[in-house]
Amino acid sequence: MKKLLLLTFGFLLASCGTTRIKTARAMPVDGIGVIHKPVVAELEVRESKVTGEATAPARVSVESVKNQAIIDALQKADADVLVEPVYDIKITRFKIVAKVTGYPAVYKNFHTIREDEIKLLYAGALYQPKVERVTAVRDQRKLFWIWGGTVLALGLLGTLPFMLY
């Protein structure tokens, strides 16, 4: 009995844990209240394109597979950013294959903004290019023939008993 009591008491002590919660205050750098000097960098874009590829199961999101393809391309080119990426995405029942092609670029010459670059900062804030996302649609004809053939086969099977009499 003493052993059972000690064992139970030991489990109770072992199950007690300490939870520690920390709080902090944060303020975004681009928001109101924080004044900072902007940092400017040059972007050196290479003229040759690079291609990256990623494959994942169909349960993974397409955006995640696209990001993995970008990571593959950037690692191949040893670059920081991919300029003008073009995606080729194939979605099957079991997997997603994403290929991306674009121009690799590297950030260079980081420095705080100079007086002559302030005009570029304003131009970048005023000019927001209209970017249009083009998404390829699955070939619906294939699905139509699969569903149509299934309905036709079921219809023929349903009328088979009436044909025999």
N, C-alpha and C. Protein backbone atom coordinates (compact mmCIF):
# COMPACT_ATOMS: atom_id res chain seq x y z
N MET A 1 0.82 -1.19 0.00
CA MET A 1 0.00 0.00 0.00
C MET A 1 0.86 1.26 0.00
N LYS A 2 1.97 1.21 0.80
CA LYS A 2 2.87 2.37 0.87
C LYS A 2 3.52 2.62 -0.49
N LYS A 3 3.87 1.52 -1.17
CA LYS A 3 4.50 1.66 -2.48
C LYS A 3 3.53 2.29 -3.48
N LEU A 4 2.26 1.88 -3.41
CA LEU A 4 1.25 2.44 -4.31
C LEU A 4 1.03 3.91 -4.02
N LEU A 5 1.01 4.28 -2.74
CA LEU A 5 0.83 5.68 -2.35
C LEU A 5 2.03 6.52 -2.79
N LEU A 6 3.24 6.01 -2.60
CA LEU A 6 4.44 6.73 -3.03
C LEU A 6 4.49 6.86 -4.55
N LEU A 7 4.10 5.79 -5.24
CA LEU A 7 4.09 5.82 -6.69
C LEU A 7 3.09 6.85 -7.21
N THR A 8 1.90 6.87 -6.61
CA THR A 8 0.88 7.85 -7.00
C THR A 8 1.36 9.26 -6.71
N PHE A 9 1.94 9.49 -5.55
CA PHE A 9 2.46 10.82 -5.19
C PHE A 9 3.59 11.23 -6.15
N GLY A 10 4.42 10.26 -6.55
CA GLY A 10 5.51 10.55 -7.49
C GLY A 10 4.98 10.96 -8.86
N PHE A 11 3.92 10.28 -9.34
CA PHE A 11 3.31 10.66 -10.61
C PHE A 11 2.68 12.04 -10.54
N LEU A 12 2.06 12.36 -9.41
CA LEU A 12 1.46 13.68 -9.26
C LEU A 12 2.52 14.77 -9.32
N LEU A 13 3.64 14.55 -8.67
CA LEU A 13 4.71 15.55 -8.70
C LEU A 13 5.32 15.66 -10.10
N ALA A 14 5.47 14.50 -10.76
CA ALA A 14 6.08 14.52 -12.08
C ALA A 14 5.16 15.16 -13.11
N SER A 15 3.85 15.07 -12.92
CA SER A 15 2.93 15.64 -13.90
C SER A 15 2.77 17.14 -13.76
N CYS A 16 3.15 17.70 -12.64
CA CYS A 16 3.07 19.14 -12.46
C CYS A 16 4.17 19.79 -13.28
N GLY A 17 3.81 20.77 -14.05
CA GLY A 17 4.79 21.45 -14.88
C GLY A 17 4.66 22.93 -14.72
N THR A 18 5.64 23.64 -15.21
CA THR A 18 5.64 25.09 -15.14
C THR A 18 5.42 25.64 -16.53
N THR A 19 4.50 26.54 -16.65
CA THR A 19 4.26 27.21 -17.92
C THR A 19 4.79 28.62 -17.80
N ARG A 20 5.58 29.00 -18.76
CA ARG A 20 6.16 30.34 -18.74
C ARG A 20 5.64 31.12 -19.92
N ILE A 21 5.10 32.27 -19.66
CA ILE A 21 4.57 33.13 -20.71
C ILE A 21 5.31 34.45 -20.66
N LYS A 22 5.81 34.86 -21.81
CA LYS A 22 6.49 36.15 -21.91
C LYS A 22 5.69 37.05 -22.83
N THR A 23 5.68 38.30 -22.53
CA THR A 23 5.02 39.27 -23.39
C THR A 23 6.04 40.31 -23.83
N ALA A 24 5.77 40.88 -24.96
CA ALA A 24 6.65 41.92 -25.48
C ALA A 24 5.80 42.88 -26.29
N ARG A 25 6.30 44.07 -26.44
CA ARG A 25 5.65 45.05 -27.28
C ARG A 25 6.47 45.20 -28.55
N ALA A 26 5.77 45.30 -29.65
CA ALA A 26 6.44 45.43 -30.93
C ALA A 26 5.74 46.50 -31.75
N MET A 27 6.51 47.16 -32.60
CA MET A 27 5.96 48.17 -33.49
C MET A 27 6.57 47.94 -34.86
N PRO A 28 5.74 47.85 -35.89
CA PRO A 28 6.30 47.65 -37.22
C PRO A 28 7.14 48.85 -37.65
N VAL A 29 8.20 48.57 -38.38
CA VAL A 29 9.11 49.63 -38.80
C VAL A 29 8.46 50.54 -39.84
N ASP A 30 7.55 50.00 -40.64
CA ASP A 30 6.95 50.81 -41.69
C ASP A 30 5.69 51.53 -41.23
N GLY A 31 5.35 51.46 -39.98
CA GLY A 31 4.14 52.09 -39.48
C GLY A 31 4.40 53.48 -38.91
N ILE A 32 3.36 54.04 -38.34
CA ILE A 32 3.45 55.36 -37.72
C ILE A 32 4.17 55.23 -36.39
N GLY A 33 5.03 56.16 -36.08
CA GLY A 33 5.70 56.16 -34.79
C GLY A 33 7.17 55.80 -34.87
N VAL A 34 7.60 55.18 -35.94
CA VAL A 34 9.00 54.81 -36.09
C VAL A 34 9.56 55.59 -37.27
N ILE A 35 10.58 56.34 -37.02
CA ILE A 35 11.24 57.10 -38.08
C ILE A 35 12.58 56.45 -38.33
N HIS A 36 12.83 56.10 -39.58
CA HIS A 36 14.09 55.45 -39.93
C HIS A 36 14.55 55.97 -41.27
N LYS A 37 15.83 55.86 -41.50
CA LYS A 37 16.41 56.23 -42.78
C LYS A 37 16.31 55.04 -43.70
N PRO A 38 15.72 55.20 -44.87
CA PRO A 38 15.60 54.07 -45.79
C PRO A 38 16.96 53.58 -46.28
N VAL A 39 17.03 52.28 -46.48
CA VAL A 39 18.23 51.65 -47.02
C VAL A 39 17.95 51.32 -48.48
N VAL A 40 18.88 51.66 -49.34
CA VAL A 40 18.75 51.45 -50.78
C VAL A 40 19.77 50.39 -51.19
N ALA A 41 19.37 49.54 -52.12
CA ALA A 41 20.27 48.53 -52.66
C ALA A 41 20.12 48.48 -54.17
N GLU A 42 21.17 48.10 -54.83
CA GLU A 42 21.11 47.91 -56.28
C GLU A 42 20.77 46.44 -56.55
N LEU A 43 20.09 46.21 -57.64
CA LEU A 43 19.70 44.86 -58.02
C LEU A 43 20.41 44.51 -59.32
N GLU A 44 21.31 43.56 -59.27
CA GLU A 44 22.03 43.12 -60.45
C GLU A 44 21.31 41.90 -61.04
N VAL A 45 20.65 42.12 -62.18
CA VAL A 45 19.86 41.06 -62.82
C VAL A 45 20.71 40.41 -63.91
N ARG A 46 20.80 39.10 -63.86
CA ARG A 46 21.56 38.36 -64.89
C ARG A 46 20.72 38.20 -66.15
N GLU A 47 21.37 38.10 -67.29
CA GLU A 47 20.66 38.00 -68.57
C GLU A 47 20.22 36.58 -68.89
N SER A 48 20.84 35.59 -68.26
CA SER A 48 20.46 34.20 -68.54
C SER A 48 19.38 33.76 -67.55
N LYS A 49 18.43 33.00 -68.06
CA LYS A 49 17.33 32.52 -67.21
C LYS A 49 17.75 31.27 -66.44
N VAL A 50 17.03 31.03 -65.35
CA VAL A 50 17.25 29.84 -64.55
C VAL A 50 15.88 29.17 -64.34
N THR A 51 15.91 27.85 -64.21
CA THR A 51 14.68 27.09 -64.02
C THR A 51 14.77 26.28 -62.73
N GLY A 52 13.68 26.27 -62.00
CA GLY A 52 13.58 25.47 -60.79
C GLY A 52 12.35 24.59 -60.85
N GLU A 53 12.38 23.48 -60.12
CA GLU A 53 11.26 22.54 -60.16
C GLU A 53 11.01 21.99 -58.76
N ALA A 54 9.74 21.72 -58.49
CA ALA A 54 9.36 21.11 -57.21
C ALA A 54 8.16 20.19 -57.45
N THR A 55 8.13 19.11 -56.69
CA THR A 55 7.03 18.15 -56.76
C THR A 55 6.56 17.87 -55.34
N ALA A 56 5.25 17.78 -55.18
CA ALA A 56 4.68 17.50 -53.86
C ALA A 56 3.38 16.72 -54.04
N PRO A 57 2.93 16.06 -52.97
CA PRO A 57 1.64 15.37 -53.04
C PRO A 57 0.50 16.36 -53.27
N ALA A 58 -0.61 15.88 -53.78
CA ALA A 58 -1.74 16.75 -54.14
C ALA A 58 -2.37 17.43 -52.92
N ARG A 59 -2.12 16.92 -51.73
CA ARG A 59 -2.71 17.54 -50.54
C ARG A 59 -2.00 18.83 -50.12
N VAL A 60 -0.84 19.12 -50.71
CA VAL A 60 -0.08 20.33 -50.41
C VAL A 60 -0.62 21.46 -51.28
N SER A 61 -0.58 22.69 -50.78
CA SER A 61 -1.11 23.82 -51.54
C SER A 61 -0.22 24.13 -52.74
N VAL A 62 -0.83 24.66 -53.78
CA VAL A 62 -0.10 25.02 -55.00
C VAL A 62 0.91 26.12 -54.70
N GLU A 63 0.53 27.08 -53.85
CA GLU A 63 1.45 28.18 -53.51
C GLU A 63 2.72 27.65 -52.85
N SER A 64 2.57 26.64 -52.01
CA SER A 64 3.73 26.05 -51.35
C SER A 64 4.66 25.37 -52.35
N VAL A 65 4.10 24.69 -53.32
CA VAL A 65 4.92 24.02 -54.34
C VAL A 65 5.60 25.07 -55.22
N LYS A 66 4.90 26.16 -55.54
CA LYS A 66 5.51 27.25 -56.32
C LYS A 66 6.69 27.85 -55.56
N ASN A 67 6.53 28.06 -54.26
CA ASN A 67 7.62 28.60 -53.44
C ASN A 67 8.81 27.66 -53.41
N GLN A 68 8.56 26.35 -53.34
CA GLN A 68 9.66 25.40 -53.37
C GLN A 68 10.39 25.42 -54.71
N ALA A 69 9.66 25.63 -55.80
CA ALA A 69 10.29 25.74 -57.12
C ALA A 69 11.17 27.00 -57.20
N ILE A 70 10.69 28.10 -56.62
CA ILE A 70 11.49 29.33 -56.59
C ILE A 70 12.76 29.10 -55.78
N ILE A 71 12.64 28.44 -54.63
CA ILE A 71 13.82 28.16 -53.81
C ILE A 71 14.83 27.33 -54.58
N ASP A 72 14.34 26.33 -55.33
CA ASP A 72 15.23 25.49 -56.15
C ASP A 72 15.97 26.33 -57.18
N ALA A 73 15.25 27.22 -57.87
CA ALA A 73 15.87 28.07 -58.89
C ALA A 73 16.90 29.01 -58.27
N LEU A 74 16.57 29.60 -57.13
CA LEU A 74 17.49 30.53 -56.48
C LEU A 74 18.75 29.83 -55.99
N GLN A 75 18.60 28.61 -55.50
CA GLN A 75 19.78 27.86 -55.05
C GLN A 75 20.67 27.47 -56.22
N LYS A 76 20.06 27.10 -57.34
CA LYS A 76 20.84 26.74 -58.54
C LYS A 76 21.66 27.94 -59.04
N ALA A 77 21.07 29.13 -58.98
CA ALA A 77 21.72 30.32 -59.53
C ALA A 77 22.50 31.10 -58.49
N ASP A 78 22.42 30.68 -57.23
CA ASP A 78 23.04 31.42 -56.13
C ASP A 78 22.61 32.89 -56.17
N ALA A 79 21.29 33.09 -56.16
CA ALA A 79 20.71 34.43 -56.30
C ALA A 79 19.85 34.76 -55.08
N ASP A 80 19.46 36.04 -54.99
CA ASP A 80 18.62 36.51 -53.89
C ASP A 80 17.14 36.59 -54.26
N VAL A 81 16.86 36.91 -55.52
CA VAL A 81 15.48 37.10 -55.95
C VAL A 81 15.34 36.64 -57.40
N LEU A 82 14.12 36.21 -57.74
CA LEU A 82 13.84 35.78 -59.11
C LEU A 82 12.95 36.84 -59.77
N VAL A 83 13.45 37.45 -60.83
CA VAL A 83 12.72 38.52 -61.51
C VAL A 83 11.87 37.94 -62.63
N GLU A 84 10.63 38.40 -62.74
CA GLU A 84 9.67 37.97 -63.76
C GLU A 84 9.52 36.44 -63.80
N PRO A 85 9.11 35.83 -62.70
CA PRO A 85 8.94 34.37 -62.73
C PRO A 85 7.74 33.96 -63.57
N VAL A 86 7.92 32.88 -64.31
CA VAL A 86 6.84 32.30 -65.12
C VAL A 86 6.68 30.86 -64.65
N TYR A 87 5.45 30.48 -64.30
CA TYR A 87 5.18 29.17 -63.73
C TYR A 87 4.53 28.24 -64.74
N ASP A 88 4.89 26.97 -64.64
CA ASP A 88 4.25 25.91 -65.39
C ASP A 88 3.84 24.88 -64.33
N ILE A 89 2.54 24.78 -64.06
CA ILE A 89 2.06 23.93 -62.98
C ILE A 89 1.20 22.83 -63.57
N LYS A 90 1.51 21.60 -63.19
CA LYS A 90 0.72 20.45 -63.61
C LYS A 90 0.14 19.80 -62.35
N ILE A 91 -1.19 19.70 -62.33
CA ILE A 91 -1.87 19.12 -61.19
C ILE A 91 -2.54 17.83 -61.64
N THR A 92 -2.14 16.74 -61.03
CA THR A 92 -2.79 15.46 -61.29
C THR A 92 -3.54 15.05 -60.03
N ARG A 93 -4.09 13.89 -60.08
CA ARG A 93 -4.87 13.42 -58.94
C ARG A 93 -4.00 13.20 -57.70
N PHE A 94 -2.75 12.82 -57.91
CA PHE A 94 -1.89 12.44 -56.80
C PHE A 94 -0.75 13.40 -56.51
N LYS A 95 -0.38 14.26 -57.46
CA LYS A 95 0.77 15.13 -57.19
C LYS A 95 0.65 16.46 -57.93
N ILE A 96 1.45 17.41 -57.48
CA ILE A 96 1.55 18.73 -58.10
C ILE A 96 3.01 18.92 -58.51
N VAL A 97 3.23 19.27 -59.76
CA VAL A 97 4.57 19.55 -60.26
C VAL A 97 4.60 21.01 -60.70
N ALA A 98 5.52 21.77 -60.13
CA ALA A 98 5.64 23.19 -60.47
C ALA A 98 7.05 23.46 -61.03
N LYS A 99 7.07 24.14 -62.16
CA LYS A 99 8.34 24.59 -62.75
C LYS A 99 8.27 26.09 -62.84
N VAL A 100 9.37 26.76 -62.53
CA VAL A 100 9.43 28.21 -62.61
C VAL A 100 10.67 28.59 -63.39
N THR A 101 10.53 29.61 -64.23
CA THR A 101 11.64 30.14 -65.00
C THR A 101 11.66 31.64 -64.82
N GLY A 102 12.85 32.19 -64.62
CA GLY A 102 12.97 33.63 -64.45
C GLY A 102 14.43 34.06 -64.47
N TYR A 103 14.62 35.35 -64.29
CA TYR A 103 15.96 35.92 -64.30
C TYR A 103 16.47 36.03 -62.86
N PRO A 104 17.59 35.38 -62.54
CA PRO A 104 18.12 35.50 -61.18
C PRO A 104 18.76 36.87 -60.98
N ALA A 105 18.63 37.38 -59.76
CA ALA A 105 19.20 38.69 -59.44
C ALA A 105 19.82 38.66 -58.05
N VAL A 106 20.79 39.54 -57.85
CA VAL A 106 21.51 39.63 -56.58
C VAL A 106 21.47 41.07 -56.10
N TYR A 107 21.21 41.25 -54.80
CA TYR A 107 21.26 42.58 -54.20
C TYR A 107 22.72 42.96 -53.97
N LYS A 108 23.06 44.22 -54.30
CA LYS A 108 24.43 44.72 -54.13
C LYS A 108 24.39 46.14 -53.60
N ASN A 109 25.48 46.56 -53.04
CA ASN A 109 25.74 47.96 -52.68
C ASN A 109 24.64 48.55 -51.78
N PHE A 110 24.45 47.96 -50.61
CA PHE A 110 23.50 48.49 -49.64
C PHE A 110 24.06 49.78 -49.05
N HIS A 111 23.21 50.81 -48.98
CA HIS A 111 23.62 52.07 -48.36
C HIS A 111 22.38 52.86 -47.96
N THR A 112 22.56 53.79 -47.01
CA THR A 112 21.44 54.64 -46.66
C THR A 112 21.17 55.59 -47.81
N ILE A 113 19.95 56.02 -47.90
CA ILE A 113 19.52 56.84 -49.03
C ILE A 113 20.29 58.16 -49.08
N ARG A 114 20.64 58.55 -50.31
CA ARG A 114 21.32 59.82 -50.53
C ARG A 114 20.31 60.83 -51.05
N GLU A 115 20.70 62.06 -51.02
CA GLU A 115 19.80 63.15 -51.44
C GLU A 115 19.33 62.99 -52.88
N ASP A 116 20.22 62.55 -53.77
CA ASP A 116 19.85 62.42 -55.17
C ASP A 116 18.95 61.20 -55.43
N GLU A 117 18.79 60.29 -54.46
CA GLU A 117 17.96 59.10 -54.64
C GLU A 117 16.54 59.27 -54.08
N ILE A 118 16.28 60.38 -53.45
CA ILE A 118 14.96 60.59 -52.86
C ILE A 118 13.87 60.63 -53.94
N LYS A 119 14.19 61.18 -55.10
CA LYS A 119 13.23 61.21 -56.20
C LYS A 119 12.82 59.78 -56.61
N LEU A 120 13.77 58.85 -56.58
CA LEU A 120 13.45 57.46 -56.91
C LEU A 120 12.51 56.86 -55.88
N LEU A 121 12.68 57.23 -54.62
CA LEU A 121 11.81 56.73 -53.56
C LEU A 121 10.38 57.20 -53.78
N TYR A 122 10.20 58.48 -54.12
CA TYR A 122 8.87 59.00 -54.40
C TYR A 122 8.27 58.37 -55.65
N ALA A 123 9.09 58.17 -56.67
CA ALA A 123 8.59 57.57 -57.91
C ALA A 123 8.13 56.13 -57.65
N GLY A 124 8.85 55.41 -56.84
CA GLY A 124 8.46 54.04 -56.51
C GLY A 124 7.19 53.99 -55.70
N ALA A 125 6.96 54.98 -54.84
CA ALA A 125 5.74 55.00 -54.04
C ALA A 125 4.53 55.41 -54.88
N LEU A 126 4.74 56.27 -55.86
CA LEU A 126 3.63 56.74 -56.69
C LEU A 126 3.27 55.74 -57.79
N TYR A 127 4.27 55.10 -58.35
CA TYR A 127 4.03 54.20 -59.47
C TYR A 127 3.92 52.77 -58.96
N GLN A 128 2.73 52.25 -58.98
CA GLN A 128 2.51 50.85 -58.63
C GLN A 128 2.08 50.13 -59.91
N PRO A 129 2.96 49.32 -60.48
CA PRO A 129 2.60 48.67 -61.74
C PRO A 129 1.44 47.70 -61.56
N LYS A 130 0.60 47.65 -62.57
CA LYS A 130 -0.53 46.73 -62.53
C LYS A 130 -0.02 45.35 -62.96
N VAL A 131 -0.05 44.44 -62.02
CA VAL A 131 0.42 43.09 -62.29
C VAL A 131 -0.80 42.20 -62.42
N GLU A 132 -0.86 41.48 -63.51
CA GLU A 132 -2.00 40.61 -63.76
C GLU A 132 -1.56 39.17 -63.59
N ARG A 133 -2.29 38.44 -62.77
CA ARG A 133 -1.95 37.04 -62.52
C ARG A 133 -2.70 36.18 -63.54
N VAL A 134 -1.94 35.37 -64.26
CA VAL A 134 -2.52 34.48 -65.25
C VAL A 134 -2.39 33.06 -64.70
N THR A 135 -3.53 32.39 -64.61
CA THR A 135 -3.55 31.04 -64.08
C THR A 135 -4.08 30.10 -65.14
N ALA A 136 -3.37 29.03 -65.36
CA ALA A 136 -3.81 28.03 -66.32
C ALA A 136 -4.94 27.21 -65.71
N VAL A 137 -5.91 26.89 -66.54
CA VAL A 137 -7.06 26.10 -66.10
C VAL A 137 -6.86 24.67 -66.55
N ARG A 138 -7.30 23.73 -65.72
CA ARG A 138 -7.20 22.32 -66.10
C ARG A 138 -8.00 22.06 -67.37
N ASP A 139 -7.59 21.04 -68.07
CA ASP A 139 -8.29 20.67 -69.30
C ASP A 139 -9.63 20.04 -68.92
N GLN A 140 -10.71 20.80 -69.09
CA GLN A 140 -12.04 20.35 -68.69
C GLN A 140 -12.60 19.30 -69.64
N ARG A 141 -12.08 19.22 -70.85
CA ARG A 141 -12.59 18.24 -71.80
C ARG A 141 -12.36 16.82 -71.31
N LYS A 142 -11.23 16.56 -70.70
CA LYS A 142 -10.92 15.24 -70.20
C LYS A 142 -11.93 14.84 -69.12
N LEU A 143 -12.20 15.77 -68.20
CA LEU A 143 -13.18 15.49 -67.15
C LEU A 143 -14.56 15.26 -67.74
N PHE A 144 -14.92 16.02 -68.80
CA PHE A 144 -16.21 15.84 -69.44
C PHE A 144 -16.35 14.44 -69.99
N TRP A 145 -15.33 13.93 -70.68
CA TRP A 145 -15.41 12.60 -71.27
C TRP A 145 -15.45 11.52 -70.21
N ILE A 146 -14.74 11.71 -69.10
CA ILE A 146 -14.77 10.72 -68.02
C ILE A 146 -16.16 10.65 -67.41
N TRP A 147 -16.73 11.81 -67.07
CA TRP A 147 -18.06 11.84 -66.47
C TRP A 147 -19.13 11.40 -67.47
N GLY A 148 -19.02 11.85 -68.69
CA GLY A 148 -19.99 11.47 -69.71
C GLY A 148 -19.98 9.97 -69.97
N GLY A 149 -18.79 9.37 -70.04
CA GLY A 149 -18.69 7.93 -70.24
C GLY A 149 -19.25 7.15 -69.07
N THR A 150 -19.03 7.65 -67.86
CA THR A 150 -19.56 6.99 -66.67
C THR A 150 -21.08 7.03 -66.66
N VAL A 151 -21.66 8.19 -66.96
CA VAL A 151 -23.12 8.31 -66.99
C VAL A 151 -23.71 7.43 -68.08
N LEU A 152 -23.08 7.39 -69.24
CA LEU A 152 -23.56 6.55 -70.34
C LEU A 152 -23.50 5.07 -69.97
N ALA A 153 -22.41 4.64 -69.35
CA ALA A 153 -22.28 3.24 -68.95
C ALA A 153 -23.33 2.87 -67.91
N LEU A 154 -23.55 3.75 -66.95
CA LEU A 154 -24.58 3.46 -65.93
C LEU A 154 -25.97 3.43 -66.55
N GLY A 155 -26.22 4.31 -67.49
CA GLY A 155 -27.51 4.32 -68.18
C GLY A 155 -27.74 3.04 -68.95
N LEU A 156 -26.70 2.55 -69.65
CA LEU A 156 -26.83 1.30 -70.40
C LEU A 156 -27.02 0.11 -69.47
N LEU A 157 -26.33 0.11 -68.35
CA LEU A 157 -26.48 -0.98 -67.39
C LEU A 157 -27.88 -0.95 -66.78
N GLY A 158 -28.44 0.26 -66.59
CA GLY A 158 -29.78 0.37 -66.03
C GLY A 158 -30.85 -0.13 -66.99
N THR A 159 -30.63 0.01 -68.28
CA THR A 159 -31.63 -0.45 -69.25
C THR A 159 -31.42 -1.90 -69.67
N LEU A 160 -30.35 -2.53 -69.25
CA LEU A 160 -30.06 -3.91 -69.63
C LEU A 160 -31.15 -4.89 -69.21
N PRO A 161 -31.70 -4.83 -67.98
CA PRO A 161 -32.78 -5.77 -67.62
C PRO A 161 -34.00 -5.64 -68.50
N PHE A 162 -34.32 -4.41 -68.94
CA PHE A 162 -35.49 -4.22 -69.79
C PHE A 162 -35.25 -4.76 -71.20
N MET A 163 -34.02 -4.77 -71.66
CA MET A 163 -33.70 -5.29 -72.97
C MET A 163 -33.79 -6.81 -73.02
N LEU A 164 -33.53 -7.46 -71.91
CA LEU A 164 -33.54 -8.91 -71.87
C LEU A 164 -34.95 -9.47 -71.93
N TYR A 165 -35.97 -8.72 -71.56
CA TYR A 165 -37.36 -9.21 -71.56
C TYR A 165 -38.05 -8.87 -72.81
